[in-house]
Amino acid sequence: MARTVYYTATTLDGFIADPNDSLEWLLRQTEEPPDDGFIDGVGAIVMGSTTYEWVLRNLDGPWPYEVPAWVMTHRKLGLPEAGKDGKTPDIRFAKGSVSDHYFEMCTATGDHDLWVMGGGDLAGQFADEGLLDEIITWTAPVVLGKGRSLRRLDLELIEVGHSDPFVISRHRVIGPLLEDSPTE
């Protein structure tokens, strides 16, 4: 059964981007991202428009993902150029609620995971709908003080490891923080 997983890097103080949506703090951490096998288990990707535009701006070659990718947006965005094989990447622009597209995304994964990529707001939308199963964070030894953060959630720690310079943690999503839950 496919899981919906938010897989991201974060700073020690919980920010995934600085106030200008920059990831320079992350790009300084390592020359080559470690291969932990996560991407091999991914059958589809979903991201917001800010993440999509960042990926396009920072591409060094063809679109890096071979699986279908949804971009949640209300704007008209362009597609990346076709790869050397002449194939245009399978990118699908979608608007509306993540739950409107969830079944199609999960069907496209086969029995692999759906990777929620990029911003904490998109991951929060999945969590709000009860559709986010896990969060995997690579925590860098950086403190930004402010920036873009993850949404408030209650989590259960499943696993902890490290890959210099990161601490890697995997959590099961329980739901909104108890104090944020509506009272009956």
N, C-alpha and C. Protein backbone atom coordinates (compact mmCIF):
# COMPACT_ATOMS: atom_id res chain seq x y z
N MET A 1 0.84 -1.18 0.00
CA MET A 1 0.00 0.00 0.00
C MET A 1 0.88 1.24 0.00
N ALA A 2 0.56 2.18 -0.83
CA ALA A 2 1.33 3.41 -0.96
C ALA A 2 1.19 4.27 0.30
N ARG A 3 2.31 4.86 0.69
CA ARG A 3 2.29 5.83 1.78
C ARG A 3 2.42 7.21 1.16
N THR A 4 1.91 8.22 1.84
CA THR A 4 2.13 9.61 1.45
C THR A 4 3.14 10.15 2.43
N VAL A 5 4.31 10.55 1.91
CA VAL A 5 5.45 10.90 2.74
C VAL A 5 5.95 12.29 2.39
N TYR A 6 6.07 13.12 3.41
CA TYR A 6 6.72 14.42 3.25
C TYR A 6 8.19 14.21 3.60
N TYR A 7 9.06 14.33 2.62
CA TYR A 7 10.50 14.07 2.75
C TYR A 7 11.19 15.38 2.48
N THR A 8 11.88 15.92 3.50
CA THR A 8 12.41 17.27 3.38
C THR A 8 13.66 17.46 4.22
N ALA A 9 14.34 18.54 3.97
CA ALA A 9 15.45 18.97 4.83
C ALA A 9 14.96 20.14 5.66
N THR A 10 15.49 20.26 6.85
CA THR A 10 15.10 21.33 7.75
C THR A 10 16.30 21.79 8.55
N THR A 11 16.21 22.99 9.08
CA THR A 11 17.25 23.48 9.97
C THR A 11 16.97 22.99 11.39
N LEU A 12 17.94 23.18 12.24
CA LEU A 12 17.79 22.77 13.64
C LEU A 12 16.59 23.45 14.30
N ASP A 13 16.30 24.68 13.88
CA ASP A 13 15.16 25.39 14.45
C ASP A 13 13.87 25.24 13.63
N GLY A 14 13.85 24.24 12.73
CA GLY A 14 12.61 23.83 12.09
C GLY A 14 12.21 24.58 10.83
N PHE A 15 13.13 25.26 10.17
CA PHE A 15 12.78 25.97 8.95
C PHE A 15 13.25 25.19 7.72
N ILE A 16 12.40 25.19 6.69
CA ILE A 16 12.72 24.47 5.47
C ILE A 16 13.24 25.40 4.37
N ALA A 17 13.08 26.69 4.56
CA ALA A 17 13.61 27.71 3.65
C ALA A 17 13.75 28.99 4.44
N ASP A 18 14.60 29.88 3.96
CA ASP A 18 14.72 31.16 4.64
C ASP A 18 13.53 32.05 4.24
N PRO A 19 13.41 33.26 4.79
CA PRO A 19 12.24 34.09 4.47
C PRO A 19 12.10 34.43 2.98
N ASN A 20 13.20 34.30 2.21
CA ASN A 20 13.15 34.57 0.76
C ASN A 20 13.01 33.30 -0.06
N ASP A 21 12.61 32.20 0.57
CA ASP A 21 12.47 30.88 -0.07
C ASP A 21 13.79 30.34 -0.60
N SER A 22 14.90 30.80 -0.04
CA SER A 22 16.21 30.32 -0.46
C SER A 22 16.59 29.04 0.28
N LEU A 23 17.31 28.18 -0.42
CA LEU A 23 17.83 26.94 0.16
C LEU A 23 19.36 26.96 0.22
N GLU A 24 19.95 28.14 0.16
CA GLU A 24 21.41 28.24 0.19
C GLU A 24 21.99 27.57 1.43
N TRP A 25 21.30 27.67 2.55
CA TRP A 25 21.76 27.04 3.79
C TRP A 25 21.89 25.53 3.61
N LEU A 26 21.00 24.93 2.82
CA LEU A 26 21.03 23.50 2.58
C LEU A 26 22.10 23.12 1.56
N LEU A 27 22.20 23.90 0.50
CA LEU A 27 23.14 23.59 -0.56
C LEU A 27 24.59 23.67 -0.08
N ARG A 28 24.85 24.39 0.98
CA ARG A 28 26.21 24.46 1.56
C ARG A 28 26.57 23.22 2.37
N GLN A 29 25.61 22.38 2.71
CA GLN A 29 25.84 21.26 3.63
C GLN A 29 26.60 20.11 3.01
N THR A 30 26.39 19.86 1.73
CA THR A 30 27.01 18.71 1.11
C THR A 30 27.13 18.94 -0.39
N GLU A 31 28.18 18.43 -0.97
CA GLU A 31 28.36 18.56 -2.41
C GLU A 31 27.43 17.62 -3.16
N GLU A 32 27.27 16.44 -2.66
CA GLU A 32 26.44 15.41 -3.30
C GLU A 32 25.43 14.90 -2.29
N PRO A 33 24.11 15.01 -2.61
CA PRO A 33 23.13 14.49 -1.65
C PRO A 33 23.33 12.99 -1.44
N PRO A 34 23.28 12.55 -0.20
CA PRO A 34 23.43 11.11 0.07
C PRO A 34 22.27 10.32 -0.53
N ASP A 35 22.54 9.11 -0.96
CA ASP A 35 21.51 8.25 -1.52
C ASP A 35 21.05 7.29 -0.41
N ASP A 36 19.88 7.57 0.14
CA ASP A 36 19.34 6.72 1.20
C ASP A 36 18.31 5.73 0.68
N GLY A 37 18.13 5.68 -0.65
CA GLY A 37 17.19 4.75 -1.25
C GLY A 37 15.76 5.25 -1.31
N PHE A 38 15.49 6.42 -0.72
CA PHE A 38 14.12 6.92 -0.68
C PHE A 38 13.52 7.04 -2.08
N ILE A 39 14.25 7.66 -2.99
CA ILE A 39 13.71 7.93 -4.32
C ILE A 39 13.34 6.64 -5.06
N ASP A 40 14.03 5.54 -4.75
CA ASP A 40 13.71 4.26 -5.38
C ASP A 40 12.32 3.76 -5.00
N GLY A 41 11.82 4.20 -3.86
CA GLY A 41 10.50 3.78 -3.40
C GLY A 41 9.39 4.74 -3.78
N VAL A 42 9.69 5.77 -4.57
CA VAL A 42 8.71 6.79 -4.94
C VAL A 42 8.08 6.45 -6.29
N GLY A 43 6.75 6.49 -6.34
CA GLY A 43 6.03 6.22 -7.57
C GLY A 43 5.42 7.46 -8.20
N ALA A 44 5.30 8.54 -7.43
CA ALA A 44 4.78 9.82 -7.94
C ALA A 44 5.20 10.92 -6.95
N ILE A 45 5.19 12.14 -7.46
CA ILE A 45 5.60 13.30 -6.68
C ILE A 45 4.50 14.35 -6.77
N VAL A 46 4.31 15.10 -5.69
CA VAL A 46 3.44 16.27 -5.71
C VAL A 46 4.20 17.41 -5.06
N MET A 47 4.12 18.59 -5.68
CA MET A 47 4.80 19.77 -5.16
C MET A 47 3.95 21.01 -5.45
N GLY A 48 4.27 22.08 -4.76
CA GLY A 48 3.62 23.36 -5.02
C GLY A 48 4.35 24.11 -6.12
N SER A 49 3.79 25.22 -6.54
CA SER A 49 4.38 25.98 -7.64
C SER A 49 5.71 26.61 -7.27
N THR A 50 5.88 27.04 -6.02
CA THR A 50 7.15 27.64 -5.60
C THR A 50 8.28 26.62 -5.71
N THR A 51 8.03 25.40 -5.26
CA THR A 51 9.04 24.33 -5.37
C THR A 51 9.31 24.00 -6.83
N TYR A 52 8.27 23.89 -7.63
CA TYR A 52 8.43 23.59 -9.06
C TYR A 52 9.30 24.64 -9.74
N GLU A 53 9.00 25.90 -9.48
CA GLU A 53 9.78 26.97 -10.10
C GLU A 53 11.23 26.96 -9.61
N TRP A 54 11.44 26.62 -8.33
CA TRP A 54 12.81 26.53 -7.81
C TRP A 54 13.56 25.41 -8.53
N VAL A 55 12.92 24.25 -8.68
CA VAL A 55 13.56 23.12 -9.38
C VAL A 55 13.92 23.54 -10.80
N LEU A 56 12.99 24.18 -11.51
CA LEU A 56 13.28 24.60 -12.89
C LEU A 56 14.46 25.58 -12.95
N ARG A 57 14.49 26.54 -12.01
CA ARG A 57 15.59 27.53 -12.00
C ARG A 57 16.94 26.88 -11.72
N ASN A 58 16.94 25.80 -10.97
CA ASN A 58 18.19 25.19 -10.52
C ASN A 58 18.54 23.90 -11.25
N LEU A 59 17.81 23.60 -12.32
CA LEU A 59 18.11 22.39 -13.09
C LEU A 59 19.49 22.49 -13.71
N ASP A 60 20.22 21.43 -13.60
CA ASP A 60 21.50 21.31 -14.29
C ASP A 60 21.38 20.07 -15.18
N GLY A 61 20.61 20.22 -16.24
CA GLY A 61 20.32 19.09 -17.10
C GLY A 61 18.82 18.89 -17.22
N PRO A 62 18.40 17.71 -17.65
CA PRO A 62 16.97 17.45 -17.86
C PRO A 62 16.23 17.30 -16.52
N TRP A 63 14.92 17.30 -16.60
CA TRP A 63 14.06 17.09 -15.43
C TRP A 63 14.54 15.84 -14.70
N PRO A 64 14.78 15.92 -13.39
CA PRO A 64 15.45 14.82 -12.69
C PRO A 64 14.57 13.64 -12.28
N TYR A 65 13.26 13.73 -12.50
CA TYR A 65 12.37 12.68 -12.00
C TYR A 65 11.71 11.93 -13.14
N GLU A 66 11.66 10.61 -13.03
CA GLU A 66 11.07 9.78 -14.07
C GLU A 66 9.62 9.43 -13.77
N VAL A 67 9.16 9.70 -12.55
CA VAL A 67 7.80 9.36 -12.15
C VAL A 67 6.87 10.53 -12.42
N PRO A 68 5.56 10.29 -12.50
CA PRO A 68 4.62 11.40 -12.68
C PRO A 68 4.74 12.42 -11.54
N ALA A 69 4.62 13.70 -11.90
CA ALA A 69 4.71 14.78 -10.90
C ALA A 69 3.50 15.69 -11.04
N TRP A 70 2.83 15.95 -9.93
CA TRP A 70 1.74 16.92 -9.89
C TRP A 70 2.29 18.22 -9.33
N VAL A 71 1.87 19.33 -9.92
CA VAL A 71 2.22 20.65 -9.41
C VAL A 71 0.91 21.32 -9.04
N MET A 72 0.73 21.58 -7.75
CA MET A 72 -0.49 22.24 -7.27
C MET A 72 -0.30 23.75 -7.48
N THR A 73 -1.14 24.33 -8.35
CA THR A 73 -0.99 25.74 -8.69
C THR A 73 -2.30 26.30 -9.23
N HIS A 74 -2.43 27.60 -9.10
CA HIS A 74 -3.56 28.32 -9.72
C HIS A 74 -3.06 29.14 -10.90
N ARG A 75 -1.76 29.08 -11.14
CA ARG A 75 -1.15 29.86 -12.22
C ARG A 75 -0.79 28.98 -13.40
N LYS A 76 -0.60 29.61 -14.55
CA LYS A 76 -0.14 28.88 -15.73
C LYS A 76 1.38 28.83 -15.68
N LEU A 77 1.92 27.63 -15.70
CA LEU A 77 3.37 27.42 -15.63
C LEU A 77 3.82 26.63 -16.84
N GLY A 78 5.06 26.84 -17.24
CA GLY A 78 5.61 26.13 -18.38
C GLY A 78 6.20 24.79 -18.00
N LEU A 79 6.44 23.98 -19.00
CA LEU A 79 7.07 22.67 -18.82
C LEU A 79 8.57 22.79 -19.08
N PRO A 80 9.35 21.93 -18.43
CA PRO A 80 10.78 21.91 -18.76
C PRO A 80 10.99 21.33 -20.15
N GLU A 81 12.17 21.56 -20.67
CA GLU A 81 12.49 21.02 -21.99
C GLU A 81 12.52 19.50 -21.93
N ALA A 82 12.31 18.91 -23.10
CA ALA A 82 12.38 17.45 -23.21
C ALA A 82 13.82 17.01 -22.94
N GLY A 83 13.96 15.81 -22.41
CA GLY A 83 15.28 15.25 -22.14
C GLY A 83 15.97 14.83 -23.42
N LYS A 84 17.17 14.28 -23.28
CA LYS A 84 17.94 13.81 -24.44
C LYS A 84 17.21 12.72 -25.21
N ASP A 85 16.33 12.01 -24.51
CA ASP A 85 15.56 10.95 -25.17
C ASP A 85 14.37 11.51 -25.94
N GLY A 86 14.17 12.84 -25.87
CA GLY A 86 13.08 13.49 -26.58
C GLY A 86 11.75 13.45 -25.87
N LYS A 87 11.70 12.79 -24.71
CA LYS A 87 10.45 12.65 -23.97
C LYS A 87 10.23 13.87 -23.06
N THR A 88 9.01 14.37 -23.09
CA THR A 88 8.62 15.44 -22.18
C THR A 88 8.27 14.80 -20.84
N PRO A 89 8.75 15.36 -19.72
CA PRO A 89 8.42 14.79 -18.41
C PRO A 89 6.91 14.75 -18.17
N ASP A 90 6.48 13.78 -17.38
CA ASP A 90 5.07 13.62 -17.03
C ASP A 90 4.75 14.55 -15.86
N ILE A 91 4.45 15.80 -16.20
CA ILE A 91 4.11 16.82 -15.19
C ILE A 91 2.67 17.22 -15.40
N ARG A 92 1.90 17.18 -14.32
CA ARG A 92 0.47 17.46 -14.38
C ARG A 92 0.16 18.63 -13.45
N PHE A 93 -0.38 19.70 -14.01
CA PHE A 93 -0.74 20.87 -13.21
C PHE A 93 -2.15 20.68 -12.68
N ALA A 94 -2.33 20.96 -11.40
CA ALA A 94 -3.62 20.73 -10.76
C ALA A 94 -3.97 21.89 -9.85
N LYS A 95 -5.24 22.19 -9.76
CA LYS A 95 -5.70 23.21 -8.81
C LYS A 95 -6.83 22.63 -7.99
N GLY A 96 -7.09 23.30 -6.89
CA GLY A 96 -8.12 22.81 -5.99
C GLY A 96 -7.48 22.16 -4.78
N SER A 97 -8.26 21.40 -4.08
CA SER A 97 -7.81 20.71 -2.87
C SER A 97 -6.94 19.51 -3.24
N VAL A 98 -5.97 19.21 -2.37
CA VAL A 98 -5.14 18.02 -2.61
C VAL A 98 -6.01 16.76 -2.61
N SER A 99 -7.09 16.78 -1.84
CA SER A 99 -7.97 15.60 -1.80
C SER A 99 -8.67 15.39 -3.13
N ASP A 100 -8.85 16.46 -3.94
CA ASP A 100 -9.47 16.33 -5.26
C ASP A 100 -8.61 15.47 -6.19
N HIS A 101 -7.31 15.42 -5.96
CA HIS A 101 -6.38 14.74 -6.86
C HIS A 101 -5.70 13.53 -6.22
N TYR A 102 -6.00 13.29 -4.95
CA TYR A 102 -5.29 12.26 -4.19
C TYR A 102 -5.43 10.86 -4.78
N PHE A 103 -6.62 10.48 -5.15
CA PHE A 103 -6.83 9.14 -5.69
C PHE A 103 -6.00 8.93 -6.96
N GLU A 104 -6.03 9.92 -7.86
CA GLU A 104 -5.26 9.82 -9.10
C GLU A 104 -3.76 9.73 -8.80
N MET A 105 -3.29 10.53 -7.85
CA MET A 105 -1.87 10.48 -7.48
C MET A 105 -1.48 9.11 -6.94
N CYS A 106 -2.29 8.60 -6.03
CA CYS A 106 -1.99 7.29 -5.42
C CYS A 106 -2.08 6.17 -6.44
N THR A 107 -3.02 6.26 -7.36
CA THR A 107 -3.13 5.25 -8.41
C THR A 107 -1.86 5.24 -9.27
N ALA A 108 -1.33 6.43 -9.54
CA ALA A 108 -0.13 6.54 -10.37
C ALA A 108 1.12 5.98 -9.68
N THR A 109 1.11 5.88 -8.36
CA THR A 109 2.29 5.39 -7.64
C THR A 109 2.47 3.89 -7.78
N GLY A 110 1.43 3.18 -8.22
CA GLY A 110 1.50 1.72 -8.18
C GLY A 110 1.50 1.34 -6.71
N ASP A 111 2.47 0.55 -6.29
CA ASP A 111 2.56 0.21 -4.86
C ASP A 111 3.73 0.95 -4.21
N HIS A 112 4.14 2.06 -4.83
CA HIS A 112 5.22 2.88 -4.28
C HIS A 112 4.63 4.07 -3.53
N ASP A 113 5.51 4.89 -2.98
CA ASP A 113 5.08 6.03 -2.16
C ASP A 113 4.79 7.26 -3.00
N LEU A 114 3.92 8.13 -2.46
CA LEU A 114 3.69 9.46 -2.99
C LEU A 114 4.56 10.40 -2.19
N TRP A 115 5.47 11.12 -2.85
CA TRP A 115 6.39 12.04 -2.20
C TRP A 115 5.82 13.44 -2.25
N VAL A 116 5.48 13.99 -1.09
CA VAL A 116 5.10 15.39 -0.98
C VAL A 116 6.42 16.16 -0.86
N MET A 117 6.72 16.95 -1.87
CA MET A 117 8.03 17.58 -2.02
C MET A 117 7.92 19.08 -1.85
N GLY A 118 8.85 19.65 -1.08
CA GLY A 118 8.94 21.11 -1.01
C GLY A 118 8.33 21.69 0.24
N GLY A 119 7.44 22.64 0.06
CA GLY A 119 6.96 23.48 1.14
C GLY A 119 6.11 22.80 2.20
N GLY A 120 6.24 23.34 3.40
CA GLY A 120 5.49 22.83 4.53
C GLY A 120 3.99 23.07 4.42
N ASP A 121 3.60 24.11 3.66
CA ASP A 121 2.17 24.38 3.52
C ASP A 121 1.48 23.25 2.76
N LEU A 122 2.10 22.77 1.69
CA LEU A 122 1.51 21.67 0.93
C LEU A 122 1.41 20.41 1.80
N ALA A 123 2.48 20.11 2.52
CA ALA A 123 2.44 18.96 3.44
C ALA A 123 1.32 19.15 4.46
N GLY A 124 1.16 20.38 4.94
CA GLY A 124 0.09 20.69 5.88
C GLY A 124 -1.30 20.47 5.29
N GLN A 125 -1.47 20.77 4.01
CA GLN A 125 -2.76 20.53 3.35
C GLN A 125 -3.07 19.03 3.33
N PHE A 126 -2.06 18.21 3.06
CA PHE A 126 -2.27 16.76 3.10
C PHE A 126 -2.62 16.32 4.52
N ALA A 127 -1.89 16.85 5.51
CA ALA A 127 -2.15 16.49 6.91
C ALA A 127 -3.56 16.92 7.33
N ASP A 128 -3.97 18.13 6.93
CA ASP A 128 -5.31 18.62 7.28
C ASP A 128 -6.41 17.70 6.77
N GLU A 129 -6.16 17.05 5.64
CA GLU A 129 -7.14 16.14 5.04
C GLU A 129 -6.99 14.71 5.56
N GLY A 130 -6.02 14.49 6.47
CA GLY A 130 -5.77 13.15 6.99
C GLY A 130 -5.10 12.24 5.97
N LEU A 131 -4.37 12.83 5.02
CA LEU A 131 -3.77 12.08 3.92
C LEU A 131 -2.25 11.96 4.01
N LEU A 132 -1.64 12.47 5.06
CA LEU A 132 -0.19 12.42 5.20
C LEU A 132 0.16 11.33 6.22
N ASP A 133 0.95 10.34 5.79
CA ASP A 133 1.28 9.21 6.65
C ASP A 133 2.56 9.43 7.45
N GLU A 134 3.61 9.94 6.79
CA GLU A 134 4.90 10.08 7.45
C GLU A 134 5.60 11.37 7.05
N ILE A 135 6.49 11.80 7.92
CA ILE A 135 7.39 12.90 7.63
C ILE A 135 8.81 12.40 7.88
N ILE A 136 9.66 12.55 6.88
CA ILE A 136 11.08 12.22 7.03
C ILE A 136 11.85 13.52 6.88
N THR A 137 12.63 13.86 7.91
CA THR A 137 13.40 15.10 7.86
C THR A 137 14.89 14.81 7.94
N TRP A 138 15.63 15.57 7.18
CA TRP A 138 17.09 15.61 7.26
C TRP A 138 17.41 16.94 7.91
N THR A 139 17.78 16.91 9.18
CA THR A 139 18.01 18.13 9.94
C THR A 139 19.47 18.54 9.84
N ALA A 140 19.69 19.75 9.33
CA ALA A 140 21.03 20.28 9.13
C ALA A 140 21.48 21.09 10.34
N PRO A 141 22.78 21.15 10.59
CA PRO A 141 23.30 21.93 11.72
C PRO A 141 23.35 23.42 11.36
N VAL A 142 22.17 24.00 11.18
CA VAL A 142 22.02 25.40 10.81
C VAL A 142 20.85 25.96 11.61
N VAL A 143 20.96 27.20 12.06
CA VAL A 143 19.87 27.90 12.71
C VAL A 143 19.61 29.17 11.91
N LEU A 144 18.39 29.32 11.39
CA LEU A 144 18.04 30.50 10.58
C LEU A 144 17.35 31.59 11.39
N GLY A 145 16.66 31.23 12.46
CA GLY A 145 15.96 32.23 13.25
C GLY A 145 14.58 32.57 12.74
N LYS A 146 14.39 32.53 11.43
CA LYS A 146 13.07 32.75 10.83
C LYS A 146 13.09 32.19 9.42
N GLY A 147 11.90 32.01 8.88
CA GLY A 147 11.79 31.47 7.53
C GLY A 147 10.51 30.70 7.36
N ARG A 148 10.51 29.77 6.43
CA ARG A 148 9.34 28.93 6.14
C ARG A 148 9.41 27.69 7.01
N SER A 149 8.35 27.44 7.77
CA SER A 149 8.39 26.32 8.71
C SER A 149 7.41 25.23 8.32
N LEU A 150 7.53 24.13 9.02
CA LEU A 150 6.58 23.04 8.89
C LEU A 150 5.30 23.43 9.61
N ARG A 151 4.20 22.78 9.27
CA ARG A 151 2.91 23.01 9.92
C ARG A 151 2.91 22.36 11.30
N ARG A 152 2.10 22.87 12.20
CA ARG A 152 1.97 22.30 13.55
C ARG A 152 1.28 20.95 13.47
N LEU A 153 1.98 19.91 13.94
CA LEU A 153 1.44 18.55 13.91
C LEU A 153 1.93 17.77 15.11
N ASP A 154 1.14 16.80 15.53
CA ASP A 154 1.59 15.80 16.49
C ASP A 154 2.16 14.64 15.69
N LEU A 155 3.34 14.19 16.12
CA LEU A 155 4.05 13.12 15.41
C LEU A 155 4.49 12.06 16.39
N GLU A 156 4.72 10.86 15.87
CA GLU A 156 5.29 9.77 16.66
C GLU A 156 6.62 9.40 16.01
N LEU A 157 7.71 9.44 16.79
CA LEU A 157 9.02 9.08 16.28
C LEU A 157 9.08 7.59 15.97
N ILE A 158 9.52 7.26 14.75
CA ILE A 158 9.64 5.87 14.32
C ILE A 158 11.10 5.45 14.27
N GLU A 159 11.96 6.36 13.78
CA GLU A 159 13.34 5.97 13.53
C GLU A 159 14.23 7.22 13.52
N VAL A 160 15.48 7.06 13.98
CA VAL A 160 16.47 8.15 13.96
C VAL A 160 17.79 7.58 13.45
N GLY A 161 18.46 8.37 12.62
CA GLY A 161 19.78 7.99 12.12
C GLY A 161 20.56 9.23 11.78
N HIS A 162 21.69 9.06 11.12
CA HIS A 162 22.45 10.23 10.70
C HIS A 162 23.25 9.93 9.45
N SER A 163 23.53 10.96 8.71
CA SER A 163 24.40 10.94 7.55
C SER A 163 25.05 12.31 7.54
N ASP A 164 26.31 12.35 7.94
CA ASP A 164 26.97 13.64 8.13
C ASP A 164 26.70 14.60 7.00
N PRO A 165 26.30 15.82 7.32
CA PRO A 165 26.16 16.42 8.64
C PRO A 165 24.73 16.38 9.19
N PHE A 166 23.86 15.54 8.64
CA PHE A 166 22.44 15.56 8.96
C PHE A 166 22.05 14.53 10.03
N VAL A 167 21.02 14.87 10.80
CA VAL A 167 20.30 13.92 11.64
C VAL A 167 19.02 13.60 10.87
N ILE A 168 18.75 12.33 10.68
CA ILE A 168 17.59 11.91 9.88
C ILE A 168 16.56 11.31 10.83
N SER A 169 15.35 11.80 10.75
CA SER A 169 14.29 11.24 11.60
C SER A 169 13.05 10.95 10.76
N ARG A 170 12.39 9.88 11.13
CA ARG A 170 11.16 9.46 10.45
C ARG A 170 10.06 9.43 11.49
N HIS A 171 8.95 10.09 11.17
CA HIS A 171 7.81 10.20 12.10
C HIS A 171 6.52 9.77 11.42
N ARG A 172 5.67 9.13 12.19
CA ARG A 172 4.29 8.87 11.77
C ARG A 172 3.47 10.09 12.13
N VAL A 173 2.59 10.51 11.23
CA VAL A 173 1.74 11.67 11.48
C VAL A 173 0.52 11.21 12.28
N ILE A 174 0.36 11.78 13.46
CA ILE A 174 -0.81 11.49 14.29
C ILE A 174 -1.96 12.40 13.90
N GLY A 175 -1.66 13.69 13.69
CA GLY A 175 -2.68 14.66 13.29
C GLY A 175 -2.33 16.03 13.81
N PRO A 176 -3.31 16.93 13.84
CA PRO A 176 -3.05 18.27 14.37
C PRO A 176 -2.64 18.18 15.84
N LEU A 177 -1.91 19.17 16.30
CA LEU A 177 -1.60 19.22 17.73
C LEU A 177 -2.90 19.18 18.52
N LEU A 178 -2.90 18.48 19.61
CA LEU A 178 -4.10 18.34 20.42
C LEU A 178 -4.70 19.70 20.76
N GLU A 179 -3.84 20.66 21.11
CA GLU A 179 -4.36 22.00 21.46
C GLU A 179 -4.91 22.76 20.26
N ASP A 180 -4.64 22.30 19.04
CA ASP A 180 -5.18 22.93 17.85
C ASP A 180 -6.47 22.27 17.38
N SER A 181 -6.82 21.12 17.97
CA SER A 181 -8.03 20.40 17.57
C SER A 181 -9.27 21.15 18.03
N PRO A 182 -10.29 21.14 17.19
CA PRO A 182 -11.54 21.80 17.62
C PRO A 182 -12.12 21.11 18.84
N THR A 183 -12.68 21.90 19.75
CA THR A 183 -13.32 21.33 20.94
C THR A 183 -14.75 20.93 20.60
N GLU A 184 -15.20 19.91 21.29
CA GLU A 184 -16.56 19.41 21.02
C GLU A 184 -17.58 20.19 21.77
